Each structure stands twice: as C-alpha cells, then as structure tokens.
PDB file of N, CA and C in Angstrom:
ATOM      1  N   MET A   1       0.851  -1.171   0.000  1.00  0.00           N
ATOM      2  CA  MET A   1       0.000   0.000   0.000  1.00  0.00           C
ATOM      3  C   MET A   1       0.898   1.236   0.000  1.00  0.00           C
ATOM      4  N   PRO A   2       0.747   2.084  -0.986  1.00  0.00           N
ATOM      5  CA  PRO A   2       1.542   3.309  -0.969  1.00  0.00           C
ATOM      6  C   PRO A   2       1.289   4.108   0.306  1.00  0.00           C
ATOM      7  N   GLN A   3       2.330   4.806   0.728  1.00  0.00           N
ATOM      8  CA  GLN A   3       2.252   5.525   1.999  1.00  0.00           C
ATOM      9  C   GLN A   3       1.137   6.557   2.005  1.00  0.00           C
ATOM     10  N   ASP A   4       0.827   7.192   0.852  1.00  0.00           N
ATOM     11  CA  ASP A   4      -0.235   8.187   0.844  1.00  0.00           C
ATOM     12  C   ASP A   4      -1.591   7.558   1.160  1.00  0.00           C
ATOM     13  N   MET A   5      -1.785   6.312   0.792  1.00  0.00           N
ATOM     14  CA  MET A   5      -3.028   5.616   1.144  1.00  0.00           C
ATOM     15  C   MET A   5      -3.080   5.383   2.647  1.00  0.00           C
ATOM     16  N   LEU A   6      -1.943   5.037   3.222  1.00  0.00           N
ATOM     17  CA  LEU A   6      -1.877   4.836   4.668  1.00  0.00           C
ATOM     18  C   LEU A   6      -2.170   6.148   5.396  1.00  0.00           C
ATOM     19  N   VAL A   7      -1.647   7.243   4.882  1.00  0.00           N
ATOM     20  CA  VAL A   7      -1.918   8.563   5.474  1.00  0.00           C
ATOM     21  C   VAL A   7      -3.414   8.848   5.440  1.00  0.00           C
ATOM     22  N   GLU A   8      -4.052   8.539   4.329  1.00  0.00           N
ATOM     23  CA  GLU A   8      -5.497   8.781   4.198  1.00  0.00           C
ATOM     24  C   GLU A   8      -6.296   7.906   5.171  1.00  0.00           C
ATOM     25  N   ILE A   9      -5.895   6.657   5.320  1.00  0.00           N
ATOM     26  CA  ILE A   9      -6.563   5.769   6.272  1.00  0.00           C
ATOM     27  C   ILE A   9      -6.455   6.333   7.688  1.00  0.00           C
ATOM     28  N   PHE A  10      -5.267   6.773   8.073  1.00  0.00           N
ATOM     29  CA  PHE A  10      -5.075   7.353   9.404  1.00  0.00           C
ATOM     30  C   PHE A  10      -5.913   8.615   9.572  1.00  0.00           C
ATOM     31  N   LYS A  11      -5.976   9.449   8.553  1.00  0.00           N
ATOM     32  CA  LYS A  11      -6.769  10.690   8.616  1.00  0.00           C
ATOM     33  C   LYS A  11      -8.253  10.371   8.822  1.00  0.00           C
ATOM     34  N   LYS A  12      -8.770   9.449   8.032  1.00  0.00           N
ATOM     35  CA  LYS A  12     -10.187   9.078   8.141  1.00  0.00           C
ATOM     36  C   LYS A  12     -10.482   8.458   9.502  1.00  0.00           C
ATOM     37  N   GLN A  13      -9.587   7.607   9.996  1.00  0.00           N
ATOM     38  CA  GLN A  13      -9.811   6.978  11.300  1.00  0.00           C
ATOM     39  C   GLN A  13      -9.774   8.018  12.406  1.00  0.00           C
ATOM     40  N   SER A  14      -8.865   8.969  12.318  1.00  0.00           N
ATOM     41  CA  SER A  14      -8.790  10.034  13.314  1.00  0.00           C
ATOM     42  C   SER A  14     -10.077  10.848  13.336  1.00  0.00           C
ATOM     43  N   GLU A  15     -10.590  11.165  12.169  1.00  0.00           N
ATOM     44  CA  GLU A  15     -11.864  11.902  12.078  1.00  0.00           C
ATOM     45  C   GLU A  15     -12.994  11.106  12.721  1.00  0.00           C
ATOM     46  N   PHE A  16     -13.046   9.805  12.411  1.00  0.00           N
ATOM     47  CA  PHE A  16     -14.093   8.960  12.975  1.00  0.00           C
ATOM     48  C   PHE A  16     -13.968   8.860  14.494  1.00  0.00           C
ATOM     49  N   ASP A  17     -12.748   8.614  14.966  1.00  0.00           N
ATOM     50  CA  ASP A  17     -12.522   8.474  16.409  1.00  0.00           C
ATOM     51  C   ASP A  17     -12.926   9.744  17.151  1.00  0.00           C
ATOM     52  N   SER A  18     -12.577  10.888  16.596  1.00  0.00           N
ATOM     53  CA  SER A  18     -12.927  12.164  17.233  1.00  0.00           C
ATOM     54  C   SER A  18     -14.434  12.349  17.303  1.00  0.00           C
ATOM     55  N   ALA A  19     -15.116  12.074  16.197  1.00  0.00           N
ATOM     56  CA  ALA A  19     -16.572  12.205  16.173  1.00  0.00           C
ATOM     57  C   ALA A  19     -17.230  11.230  17.144  1.00  0.00           C
ATOM     58  N   LEU A  20     -16.735   9.997  17.172  1.00  0.00           N
ATOM     59  CA  LEU A  20     -17.296   8.980  18.061  1.00  0.00           C
ATOM     60  C   LEU A  20     -17.127   9.377  19.524  1.00  0.00           C
ATOM     61  N   ALA A  21     -15.929   9.810  19.880  1.00  0.00           N
ATOM     62  CA  ALA A  21     -15.661  10.203  21.266  1.00  0.00           C
ATOM     63  C   ALA A  21     -16.535  11.374  21.671  1.00  0.00           C
ATOM     64  N   GLU A  22     -16.692  12.332  20.773  1.00  0.00           N
ATOM     65  CA  GLU A  22     -17.511  13.508  21.084  1.00  0.00           C
ATOM     66  C   GLU A  22     -18.987  13.149  21.219  1.00  0.00           C
ATOM     67  N   LYS A  23     -19.508  12.425  20.260  1.00  0.00           N
ATOM     68  CA  LYS A  23     -20.946  12.098  20.253  1.00  0.00           C
ATOM     69  C   LYS A  23     -21.330  11.151  21.381  1.00  0.00           C
ATOM     70  N   ARG A  24     -20.427  10.273  21.761  1.00  0.00           N
ATOM     71  CA  ARG A  24     -20.728   9.300  22.817  1.00  0.00           C
ATOM     72  C   ARG A  24     -20.146   9.689  24.170  1.00  0.00           C
ATOM     73  N   GLY A  25     -19.457  10.798  24.234  1.00  0.00           N
ATOM     74  CA  GLY A  25     -18.902  11.261  25.500  1.00  0.00           C
ATOM     75  C   GLY A  25     -17.823  10.331  26.042  1.00  0.00           C
ATOM     76  N   LEU A  26     -16.985   9.814  25.160  1.00  0.00           N
ATOM     77  CA  LEU A  26     -15.941   8.878  25.564  1.00  0.00           C
ATOM     78  C   LEU A  26     -14.660   9.646  25.896  1.00  0.00           C
ATOM     79  N   ASN A  27     -14.104   9.353  27.060  1.00  0.00           N
ATOM     80  CA  ASN A  27     -12.901  10.060  27.493  1.00  0.00           C
ATOM     81  C   ASN A  27     -12.065   9.137  28.374  1.00  0.00           C
ATOM     82  N   TYR A  28     -11.431   8.150  27.749  1.00  0.00           N
ATOM     83  CA  TYR A  28     -10.620   7.198  28.496  1.00  0.00           C
ATOM     84  C   TYR A  28      -9.157   7.638  28.479  1.00  0.00           C
ATOM     85  N   ASP A  29      -8.392   7.136  29.441  1.00  0.00           N
ATOM     86  CA  ASP A  29      -6.954   7.382  29.391  1.00  0.00           C
ATOM     87  C   ASP A  29      -6.344   6.474  28.321  1.00  0.00           C
ATOM     88  N   GLN A  30      -5.094   6.741  27.970  1.00  0.00           N
ATOM     89  CA  GLN A  30      -4.433   6.018  26.885  1.00  0.00           C
ATOM     90  C   GLN A  30      -4.423   4.507  27.116  1.00  0.00           C
ATOM     91  N   SER A  31      -4.105   4.092  28.322  1.00  0.00           N
ATOM     92  CA  SER A  31      -4.036   2.664  28.625  1.00  0.00           C
ATOM     93  C   SER A  31      -5.389   1.985  28.417  1.00  0.00           C
ATOM     94  N   THR A  32      -6.442   2.613  28.890  1.00  0.00           N
ATOM     95  CA  THR A  32      -7.795   2.050  28.745  1.00  0.00           C
ATOM     96  C   THR A  32      -8.197   1.999  27.279  1.00  0.00           C
ATOM     97  N   TRP A  33      -7.904   3.073  26.528  1.00  0.00           N
ATOM     98  CA  TRP A  33      -8.231   3.078  25.100  1.00  0.00           C
ATOM     99  C   TRP A  33      -7.550   1.909  24.393  1.00  0.00           C
ATOM    100  N   ILE A  34      -6.262   1.725  24.653  1.00  0.00           N
ATOM    101  CA  ILE A  34      -5.527   0.670  23.960  1.00  0.00           C
ATOM    102  C   ILE A  34      -6.065  -0.705  24.352  1.00  0.00           C
ATOM    103  N   GLN A  35      -6.407  -0.888  25.622  1.00  0.00           N
ATOM    104  CA  GLN A  35      -7.015  -2.153  26.034  1.00  0.00           C
ATOM    105  C   GLN A  35      -8.310  -2.401  25.272  1.00  0.00           C
ATOM    106  N   LYS A  36      -9.126  -1.370  25.145  1.00  0.00           N
ATOM    107  CA  LYS A  36     -10.396  -1.507  24.427  1.00  0.00           C
ATOM    108  C   LYS A  36     -10.175  -1.823  22.953  1.00  0.00           C
ATOM    109  N   GLU A  37      -9.169  -1.187  22.358  1.00  0.00           N
ATOM    110  CA  GLU A  37      -8.863  -1.452  20.948  1.00  0.00           C
ATOM    111  C   GLU A  37      -8.399  -2.897  20.766  1.00  0.00           C
ATOM    112  N   VAL A  38      -7.560  -3.390  21.669  1.00  0.00           N
ATOM    113  CA  VAL A  38      -7.083  -4.777  21.583  1.00  0.00           C
ATOM    114  C   VAL A  38      -8.258  -5.746  21.705  1.00  0.00           C
ATOM    115  N   LEU A  39      -9.138  -5.503  22.656  1.00  0.00           N
ATOM    116  CA  LEU A  39     -10.301  -6.381  22.818  1.00  0.00           C
ATOM    117  C   LEU A  39     -11.192  -6.358  21.579  1.00  0.00           C
ATOM    118  N   ALA A  40     -11.349  -5.189  20.980  1.00  0.00           N
ATOM    119  CA  ALA A  40     -12.149  -5.087  19.763  1.00  0.00           C
ATOM    120  C   ALA A  40     -11.495  -5.874  18.623  1.00  0.00           C
ATOM    121  N   ILE A  41     -10.176  -5.794  18.517  1.00  0.00           N
ATOM    122  CA  ILE A  41      -9.467  -6.550  17.485  1.00  0.00           C
ATOM    123  C   ILE A  41      -9.636  -8.044  17.705  1.00  0.00           C
ATOM    124  N   ILE A  42      -9.525  -8.481  18.944  1.00  0.00           N
ATOM    125  CA  ILE A  42      -9.727  -9.907  19.243  1.00  0.00           C
ATOM    126  C   ILE A  42     -11.125 -10.348  18.830  1.00  0.00           C
ATOM    127  N   SER A  43     -12.114  -9.529  19.119  1.00  0.00           N
ATOM    128  CA  SER A  43     -13.488  -9.840  18.738  1.00  0.00           C
ATOM    129  C   SER A  43     -13.629  -9.954  17.224  1.00  0.00           C
ATOM    130  N   GLU A  44     -13.014  -9.020  16.510  1.00  0.00           N
ATOM    131  CA  GLU A  44     -13.085  -9.054  15.046  1.00  0.00           C
ATOM    132  C   GLU A  44     -12.325 -10.258  14.477  1.00  0.00           C
ATOM    133  N   LEU A  45     -11.207 -10.615  15.092  1.00  0.00           N
ATOM    134  CA  LEU A  45     -10.474 -11.803  14.643  1.00  0.00           C
ATOM    135  C   LEU A  45     -11.315 -13.063  14.811  1.00  0.00           C
ATOM    136  N   ALA A  46     -12.092 -13.120  15.886  1.00  0.00           N
ATOM    137  CA  ALA A  46     -12.994 -14.260  16.088  1.00  0.00           C
ATOM    138  C   ALA A  46     -14.044 -14.307  14.979  1.00  0.00           C
ATOM    139  N   GLU A  47     -14.507 -13.137  14.548  1.00  0.00           N
ATOM    140  CA  GLU A  47     -15.479 -13.096  13.454  1.00  0.00           C
ATOM    141  C   GLU A  47     -14.845 -13.578  12.144  1.00  0.00           C
ATOM    142  N   ILE A  48     -13.568 -13.263  11.944  1.00  0.00           N
ATOM    143  CA  ILE A  48     -12.863 -13.765  10.761  1.00  0.00           C
ATOM    144  C   ILE A  48     -12.782 -15.291  10.817  1.00  0.00           C
ATOM    145  N   LEU A  49     -12.443 -15.823  11.993  1.00  0.00           N
ATOM    146  CA  LEU A  49     -12.391 -17.278  12.135  1.00  0.00           C
ATOM    147  C   LEU A  49     -13.730 -17.918  11.771  1.00  0.00           C
ATOM    148  N   ASP A  50     -14.823 -17.313  12.214  1.00  0.00           N
ATOM    149  CA  ASP A  50     -16.137 -17.849  11.874  1.00  0.00           C
ATOM    150  C   ASP A  50     -16.365 -17.849  10.362  1.00  0.00           C
ATOM    151  N   GLU A  51     -15.868 -16.822   9.683  1.00  0.00           N
ATOM    152  CA  GLU A  51     -16.050 -16.724   8.233  1.00  0.00           C
ATOM    153  C   GLU A  51     -15.267 -17.779   7.461  1.00  0.00           C
ATOM    154  N   VAL A  52     -14.188 -18.290   8.042  1.00  0.00           N
ATOM    155  CA  VAL A  52     -13.356 -19.254   7.314  1.00  0.00           C
ATOM    156  C   VAL A  52     -13.509 -20.680   7.845  1.00  0.00           C
ATOM    157  N   ASN A  53     -14.628 -20.938   8.487  1.00  0.00           N
ATOM    158  CA  ASN A  53     -15.005 -22.303   8.862  1.00  0.00           C
ATOM    159  C   ASN A  53     -13.995 -22.992   9.777  1.00  0.00           C
ATOM    160  N   PHE A  54     -13.545 -22.316  10.814  1.00  0.00           N
ATOM    161  CA  PHE A  54     -12.570 -22.955  11.695  1.00  0.00           C
ATOM    162  C   PHE A  54     -13.194 -24.047  12.564  1.00  0.00           C
ATOM    163  N   LYS A  55     -14.511 -24.050  12.683  1.00  0.00           N
ATOM    164  CA  LYS A  55     -15.175 -25.062  13.515  1.00  0.00           C
ATOM    165  C   LYS A  55     -15.291 -26.363  12.722  1.00  0.00           C
ATOM    166  N   TRP A  56     -14.324 -27.227  12.919  1.00  0.00           N
ATOM    167  CA  TRP A  56     -14.280 -28.479  12.173  1.00  0.00           C
ATOM    168  C   TRP A  56     -15.440 -29.397  12.514  1.00  0.00           C
ATOM    169  N   TRP A  57     -16.127 -29.127  13.600  1.00  0.00           N
ATOM    170  CA  TRP A  57     -17.240 -29.978  14.015  1.00  0.00           C
ATOM    171  C   TRP A  57     -18.560 -29.553  13.376  1.00  0.00           C
ATOM    172  N   LYS A  58     -18.519 -28.498  12.550  1.00  0.00           N
ATOM    173  CA  LYS A  58     -19.724 -28.045  11.855  1.00  0.00           C
ATOM    174  C   LYS A  58     -19.542 -28.232  10.355  1.00  0.00           C
ATOM    175  N   ASP A  59     -20.671 -28.328   9.657  1.00  0.00           N
ATOM    176  CA  ASP A  59     -20.610 -28.398   8.195  1.00  0.00           C
ATOM    177  C   ASP A  59     -20.034 -27.092   7.651  1.00  0.00           C
ATOM    178  N   ALA A  60     -19.037 -27.202   6.805  1.00  0.00           N
ATOM    179  CA  ALA A  60     -18.424 -26.018   6.197  1.00  0.00           C
ATOM    180  C   ALA A  60     -19.386 -25.396   5.196  1.00  0.00           C
ATOM    181  N   ARG A  61     -19.308 -24.102   5.077  1.00  0.00           N
ATOM    182  CA  ARG A  61     -20.101 -23.381   4.093  1.00  0.00           C
ATOM    183  C   ARG A  61     -19.138 -22.583   3.218  1.00  0.00           C
ATOM    184  N   PRO A  62     -19.565 -22.195   2.046  1.00  0.00           N
ATOM    185  CA  PRO A  62     -18.678 -21.396   1.191  1.00  0.00           C
ATOM    186  C   PRO A  62     -18.282 -20.096   1.898  1.00  0.00           C
ATOM    187  N   ILE A  63     -17.056 -19.692   1.715  1.00  0.00           N
ATOM    188  CA  ILE A  63     -16.593 -18.443   2.318  1.00  0.00           C
ATOM    189  C   ILE A  63     -17.180 -17.275   1.547  1.00  0.00           C
ATOM    190  N   ASP A  64     -17.790 -16.363   2.282  1.00  0.00           N
ATOM    191  CA  ASP A  64     -18.345 -15.144   1.702  1.00  0.00           C
ATOM    192  C   ASP A  64     -17.210 -14.113   1.664  1.00  0.00           C
ATOM    193  N   HIS A  65     -16.642 -13.909   0.482  1.00  0.00           N
ATOM    194  CA  HIS A  65     -15.483 -13.033   0.336  1.00  0.00           C
ATOM    195  C   HIS A  65     -15.776 -11.611   0.829  1.00  0.00           C
ATOM    196  N   ASP A  66     -16.959 -11.109   0.518  1.00  0.00           N
ATOM    197  CA  ASP A  66     -17.303  -9.748   0.946  1.00  0.00           C
ATOM    198  C   ASP A  66     -17.388  -9.638   2.462  1.00  0.00           C
ATOM    199  N   LYS A  67     -17.972 -10.639   3.105  1.00  0.00           N
ATOM    200  CA  LYS A  67     -18.069 -10.639   4.569  1.00  0.00           C
ATOM    201  C   LYS A  67     -16.678 -10.776   5.192  1.00  0.00           C
ATOM    202  N   LEU A  68     -15.848 -11.643   4.616  1.00  0.00           N
ATOM    203  CA  LEU A  68     -14.474 -11.808   5.102  1.00  0.00           C
ATOM    204  C   LEU A  68     -13.712 -10.491   4.994  1.00  0.00           C
ATOM    205  N   LYS A  69     -13.835  -9.829   3.853  1.00  0.00           N
ATOM    206  CA  LYS A  69     -13.171  -8.541   3.651  1.00  0.00           C
ATOM    207  C   LYS A  69     -13.658  -7.512   4.666  1.00  0.00           C
ATOM    208  N   GLU A  70     -14.955  -7.499   4.923  1.00  0.00           N
ATOM    209  CA  GLU A  70     -15.524  -6.569   5.908  1.00  0.00           C
ATOM    210  C   GLU A  70     -14.919  -6.787   7.292  1.00  0.00           C
ATOM    211  N   GLU A  71     -14.774  -8.029   7.691  1.00  0.00           N
ATOM    212  CA  GLU A  71     -14.206  -8.325   9.016  1.00  0.00           C
ATOM    213  C   GLU A  71     -12.729  -7.954   9.083  1.00  0.00           C
ATOM    214  N   ILE A  72     -12.007  -8.188   7.998  1.00  0.00           N
ATOM    215  CA  ILE A  72     -10.596  -7.813   7.963  1.00  0.00           C
ATOM    216  C   ILE A  72     -10.451  -6.298   8.044  1.00  0.00           C
ATOM    217  N   VAL A  73     -11.308  -5.585   7.348  1.00  0.00           N
ATOM    218  CA  VAL A  73     -11.287  -4.114   7.414  1.00  0.00           C
ATOM    219  C   VAL A  73     -11.633  -3.642   8.825  1.00  0.00           C
ATOM    220  N   ASP A  74     -12.530  -4.328   9.504  1.00  0.00           N
ATOM    221  CA  ASP A  74     -12.835  -3.971  10.890  1.00  0.00           C
ATOM    222  C   ASP A  74     -11.583  -4.072  11.766  1.00  0.00           C
ATOM    223  N   VAL A  75     -10.775  -5.109  11.542  1.00  0.00           N
ATOM    224  CA  VAL A  75      -9.518  -5.244  12.284  1.00  0.00           C
ATOM    225  C   VAL A  75      -8.623  -4.040  11.990  1.00  0.00           C
ATOM    226  N   LEU A  76      -8.548  -3.656  10.727  1.00  0.00           N
ATOM    227  CA  LEU A  76      -7.726  -2.509  10.348  1.00  0.00           C
ATOM    228  C   LEU A  76      -8.216  -1.239  11.036  1.00  0.00           C
ATOM    229  N   HIS A  77      -9.528  -1.034  11.063  1.00  0.00           N
ATOM    230  CA  HIS A  77     -10.086   0.140  11.749  1.00  0.00           C
ATOM    231  C   HIS A  77      -9.597   0.215  13.191  1.00  0.00           C
ATOM    232  N   PHE A  78      -9.746  -0.873  13.910  1.00  0.00           N
ATOM    233  CA  PHE A  78      -9.348  -0.866  15.318  1.00  0.00           C
ATOM    234  C   PHE A  78      -7.829  -0.782  15.471  1.00  0.00           C
ATOM    235  N   PHE A  79      -7.081  -1.400  14.565  1.00  0.00           N
ATOM    236  CA  PHE A  79      -5.626  -1.339  14.624  1.00  0.00           C
ATOM    237  C   PHE A  79      -5.144   0.101  14.425  1.00  0.00           C
ATOM    238  N   VAL A  80      -5.667   0.772  13.410  1.00  0.00           N
ATOM    239  CA  VAL A  80      -5.267   2.156  13.154  1.00  0.00           C
ATOM    240  C   VAL A  80      -5.700   3.041  14.313  1.00  0.00           C
ATOM    241  N   SER A  81      -6.881   2.809  14.833  1.00  0.00           N
ATOM    242  CA  SER A  81      -7.348   3.565  15.989  1.00  0.00           C
ATOM    243  C   SER A  81      -6.394   3.368  17.168  1.00  0.00           C
ATOM    244  N   MET A  82      -5.932   2.145  17.377  1.00  0.00           N
ATOM    245  CA  MET A  82      -4.984   1.869  18.458  1.00  0.00           C
ATOM    246  C   MET A  82      -3.667   2.604  18.214  1.00  0.00           C
ATOM    247  N   CYS A  83      -3.206   2.603  16.975  1.00  0.00           N
ATOM    248  CA  CYS A  83      -1.985   3.350  16.654  1.00  0.00           C
ATOM    249  C   CYS A  83      -2.158   4.820  17.026  1.00  0.00           C
ATOM    250  N   LEU A  84      -3.282   5.387  16.660  1.00  0.00           N
ATOM    251  CA  LEU A  84      -3.538   6.794  16.973  1.00  0.00           C
ATOM    252  C   LEU A  84      -3.530   7.029  18.480  1.00  0.00           C
ATOM    253  N   LYS A  85      -4.161   6.137  19.222  1.00  0.00           N
ATOM    254  CA  LYS A  85      -4.205   6.280  20.687  1.00  0.00           C
ATOM    255  C   LYS A  85      -2.816   6.147  21.294  1.00  0.00           C
ATOM    256  N   ALA A  86      -1.949   5.358  20.640  1.00  0.00           N
ATOM    257  CA  ALA A  86      -0.586   5.151  21.130  1.00  0.00           C
ATOM    258  C   ALA A  86       0.370   6.250  20.652  1.00  0.00           C
ATOM    259  N   GLY A  87      -0.141   7.173  19.838  1.00  0.00           N
ATOM    260  CA  GLY A  87       0.696   8.258  19.335  1.00  0.00           C
ATOM    261  C   GLY A  87       1.585   7.845  18.177  1.00  0.00           C
ATOM    262  N   ILE A  88       1.193   6.797  17.465  1.00  0.00           N
ATOM    263  CA  ILE A  88       1.949   6.321  16.306  1.00  0.00           C
ATOM    264  C   ILE A  88       1.217   6.773  15.047  1.00  0.00           C
ATOM    265  N   GLY A  89       1.883   7.572  14.235  1.00  0.00           N
ATOM    266  CA  GLY A  89       1.303   8.052  12.993  1.00  0.00           C
ATOM    267  C   GLY A  89       1.654   7.149  11.826  1.00  0.00           C
ATOM    268  N   PRO A  90       1.108   7.460  10.650  1.00  0.00           N
ATOM    269  CA  PRO A  90       1.339   6.602   9.486  1.00  0.00           C
ATOM    270  C   PRO A  90       2.802   6.521   9.066  1.00  0.00           C
ATOM    271  N   GLU A  91       3.540   7.625   9.151  1.00  0.00           N
ATOM    272  CA  GLU A  91       4.941   7.603   8.758  1.00  0.00           C
ATOM    273  C   GLU A  91       5.751   6.731   9.713  1.00  0.00           C
ATOM    274  N   GLU A  92       5.509   6.897  11.009  1.00  0.00           N
ATOM    275  CA  GLU A  92       6.234   6.104  11.997  1.00  0.00           C
ATOM    276  C   GLU A  92       5.896   4.619  11.856  1.00  0.00           C
ATOM    277  N   LEU A  93       4.626   4.311  11.629  1.00  0.00           N
ATOM    278  CA  LEU A  93       4.223   2.918  11.431  1.00  0.00           C
ATOM    279  C   LEU A  93       4.891   2.342  10.190  1.00  0.00           C
ATOM    280  N   TYR A  94       4.895   3.098   9.115  1.00  0.00           N
ATOM    281  CA  TYR A  94       5.516   2.654   7.865  1.00  0.00           C
ATOM    282  C   TYR A  94       6.999   2.364   8.078  1.00  0.00           C
ATOM    283  N   GLU A  95       7.695   3.291   8.710  1.00  0.00           N
ATOM    284  CA  GLU A  95       9.131   3.116   8.955  1.00  0.00           C
ATOM    285  C   GLU A  95       9.397   1.911   9.856  1.00  0.00           C
ATOM    286  N   ALA A  96       8.594   1.750  10.903  1.00  0.00           N
ATOM    287  CA  ALA A  96       8.766   0.611  11.816  1.00  0.00           C
ATOM    288  C   ALA A  96       8.475  -0.702  11.091  1.00  0.00           C
ATOM    289  N   TYR A  97       7.452  -0.699  10.239  1.00  0.00           N
ATOM    290  CA  TYR A  97       7.134  -1.907   9.475  1.00  0.00           C
ATOM    291  C   TYR A  97       8.287  -2.270   8.547  1.00  0.00           C
ATOM    292  N   MET A  98       8.796  -1.301   7.812  1.00  0.00           N
ATOM    293  CA  MET A  98       9.871  -1.572   6.856  1.00  0.00           C
ATOM    294  C   MET A  98      11.108  -2.113   7.575  1.00  0.00           C
ATOM    295  N   ALA A  99      11.446  -1.542   8.722  1.00  0.00           N
ATOM    296  CA  ALA A  99      12.599  -2.021   9.492  1.00  0.00           C
ATOM    297  C   ALA A  99      12.364  -3.440   9.993  1.00  0.00           C
ATOM    298  N   LYS A 100      11.171  -3.709  10.516  1.00  0.00           N
ATOM    299  CA  LYS A 100      10.869  -5.046  11.037  1.00  0.00           C
ATOM    300  C   LYS A 100      10.813  -6.075   9.919  1.00  0.00           C
ATOM    301  N   ASN A 101      10.279  -5.691   8.760  1.00  0.00           N
ATOM    302  CA  ASN A 101      10.219  -6.592   7.623  1.00  0.00           C
ATOM    303  C   ASN A 101      11.627  -6.984   7.180  1.00  0.00           C
ATOM    304  N   ALA A 102      12.527  -6.006   7.112  1.00  0.00           N
ATOM    305  CA  ALA A 102      13.913  -6.293   6.742  1.00  0.00           C
ATOM    306  C   ALA A 102      14.564  -7.214   7.777  1.00  0.00           C
ATOM    307  N   GLU A 103      14.303  -6.961   9.052  1.00  0.00           N
ATOM    308  CA  GLU A 103      14.848  -7.817  10.113  1.00  0.00           C
ATOM    309  C   GLU A 103      14.287  -9.232  10.002  1.00  0.00           C
ATOM    310  N   ASN A 104      13.009  -9.360   9.715  1.00  0.00           N
ATOM    311  CA  ASN A 104      12.409 -10.692   9.562  1.00  0.00           C
ATOM    312  C   ASN A 104      13.080 -11.461   8.429  1.00  0.00           C
ATOM    313  N   PHE A 105      13.365 -10.799   7.305  1.00  0.00           N
ATOM    314  CA  PHE A 105      14.071 -11.464   6.213  1.00  0.00           C
ATOM    315  C   PHE A 105      15.466 -11.872   6.651  1.00  0.00           C
ATOM    316  N   ARG A 106      16.180 -10.967   7.342  1.00  0.00           N
ATOM    317  CA  ARG A 106      17.525 -11.316   7.819  1.00  0.00           C
ATOM    318  C   ARG A 106      17.471 -12.537   8.732  1.00  0.00           C
ATOM    319  N   ARG A 107      16.493 -12.581   9.614  1.00  0.00           N
ATOM    320  CA  ARG A 107      16.370 -13.736  10.513  1.00  0.00           C
ATOM    321  C   ARG A 107      16.129 -15.015   9.731  1.00  0.00           C
ATOM    322  N   GLN A 108      15.212 -14.979   8.776  1.00  0.00           N
ATOM    323  CA  GLN A 108      14.895 -16.184   8.006  1.00  0.00           C
ATOM    324  C   GLN A 108      16.069 -16.631   7.151  1.00  0.00           C
ATOM    325  N   GLU A 109      16.896 -15.690   6.768  1.00  0.00           N
ATOM    326  CA  GLU A 109      18.070 -16.008   5.960  1.00  0.00           C
ATOM    327  C   GLU A 109      19.279 -16.375   6.815  1.00  0.00           C
ATOM    328  N   GLY A 110      19.095 -16.396   8.149  1.00  0.00           N
ATOM    329  CA  GLY A 110      20.171 -16.764   9.052  1.00  0.00           C
ATOM    330  C   GLY A 110      21.249 -15.705   9.163  1.00  0.00           C
ATOM    331  N   LYS A 111      20.899 -14.465   8.914  1.00  0.00           N
ATOM    332  CA  LYS A 111      21.876 -13.375   8.915  1.00  0.00           C
ATOM    333  C   LYS A 111      21.843 -12.540  10.190  1.00  0.00           C
ATOM    334  N   THR A 112      21.321 -13.088  11.267  1.00  0.00           N
ATOM    335  CA  THR A 112      21.328 -12.395  12.554  1.00  0.00           C
ATOM    336  C   THR A 112      21.876 -13.354  13.607  1.00  0.00           C
ATOM    337  N   ASP A 113      22.079 -12.831  14.783  1.00  0.00           N
ATOM    338  CA  ASP A 113      22.563 -13.689  15.868  1.00  0.00           C
ATOM    339  C   ASP A 113      21.422 -14.426  16.562  1.00  0.00           C
ATOM    340  N   ARG A 114      20.199 -14.202  16.112  1.00  0.00           N
ATOM    341  CA  ARG A 114      19.033 -14.898  16.669  1.00  0.00           C
ATOM    342  C   ARG A 114      18.942 -16.289  16.062  1.00  0.00           C
ATOM    343  N   SER A 115      18.859 -17.299  16.894  1.00  0.00           N
ATOM    344  CA  SER A 115      18.777 -18.667  16.371  1.00  0.00           C
ATOM    345  C   SER A 115      17.324 -19.117  16.272  1.00  0.00           C
ATOM    346  N   GLY A 116      17.123 -20.140  15.461  1.00  0.00           N
ATOM    347  CA  GLY A 116      15.809 -20.763  15.369  1.00  0.00           C
ATOM    348  C   GLY A 116      14.914 -20.189  14.287  1.00  0.00           C
ATOM    349  N   TYR A 117      15.429 -19.293  13.448  1.00  0.00           N
ATOM    350  CA  TYR A 117      14.613 -18.674  12.414  1.00  0.00           C
ATOM    351  C   TYR A 117      14.935 -19.137  11.004  1.00  0.00           C
ATOM    352  N   ALA A 118      16.180 -19.476  10.736  1.00  0.00           N
ATOM    353  CA  ALA A 118      16.621 -19.707   9.368  1.00  0.00           C
ATOM    354  C   ALA A 118      15.783 -20.769   8.660  1.00  0.00           C
ATOM    355  N   TRP A 119      15.356 -20.489   7.444  1.00  0.00           N
ATOM    356  CA  TRP A 119      14.529 -21.433   6.706  1.00  0.00           C
ATOM    357  C   TRP A 119      15.364 -22.439   5.935  1.00  0.00           C
ATOM    358  N   ASN A 120      16.673 -22.231   5.867  1.00  0.00           N
ATOM    359  CA  ASN A 120      17.558 -23.181   5.183  1.00  0.00           C
ATOM    360  C   ASN A 120      18.400 -23.924   6.216  1.00  0.00           C
ATOM    361  N   LYS A 121      17.808 -24.894   6.869  1.00  0.00           N
ATOM    362  CA  LYS A 121      18.513 -25.645   7.906  1.00  0.00           C
ATOM    363  C   LYS A 121      19.242 -26.808   7.315  1.00  0.00           C
TER     364      LYS A 121
END
C-alpha cells in the first residue's frame, strides 16, 4: 500500500474516532483506550475465524469473500485507531514496518545472531 493511502486511512480513522468520542462522550486514558482497541481486534479476529469455517465440528459453508473482507477491514479500523491512541502516525508505522520486515528477512536467511529462524537448515 503506498504511503499516501496509509496517510489517508489514518486521517479518516482520526476523524471517525474524534466524532465517536464527542458524540458518545468517551474520554478514556491512553491505557484504557488501547485495552479496548485490543479487545475489539480480538473480537473481530474471532469473526474472521467464523467466516473461514474454523469449527471443524460443523458443516463447512462457502466463504463469503465480501463478509471476510468486511471483518478484515474492521480489524484494520481498530488497529489504526490503536496506533492513533498510542501516538503512532502513518509515517512512523511505515518506517517501523519496513525495518521489522527487513529484520524478519535477515532472521529467516540466518543473517542475525538470533537462532531458530533460518529457513535453510
């Protein structure tokens, strides 16, 4: 995703969060907000699991791609909201992601001092 799209997502989420807090009179401290965002993400992840038939004891049904996409986007909403509450903006998130992604490749390639990651054993 180009960074400008990420900036737009953060802008829209910030607008939504501000309106929601104002209209509903929400005023939590940072720790409480982040806890609530994590719980919301967990709830949405459970909904994703339901969409992909994780219950092996039930008859599987075709995956509804639109519903699956909706649940994944819900996770993104809460994730971006959590970033905002934590004071992490789109540029900082992008930079942290790029650094971590490079580190993950180095680990898998056995190019770090961390053991147990290399995919070529």
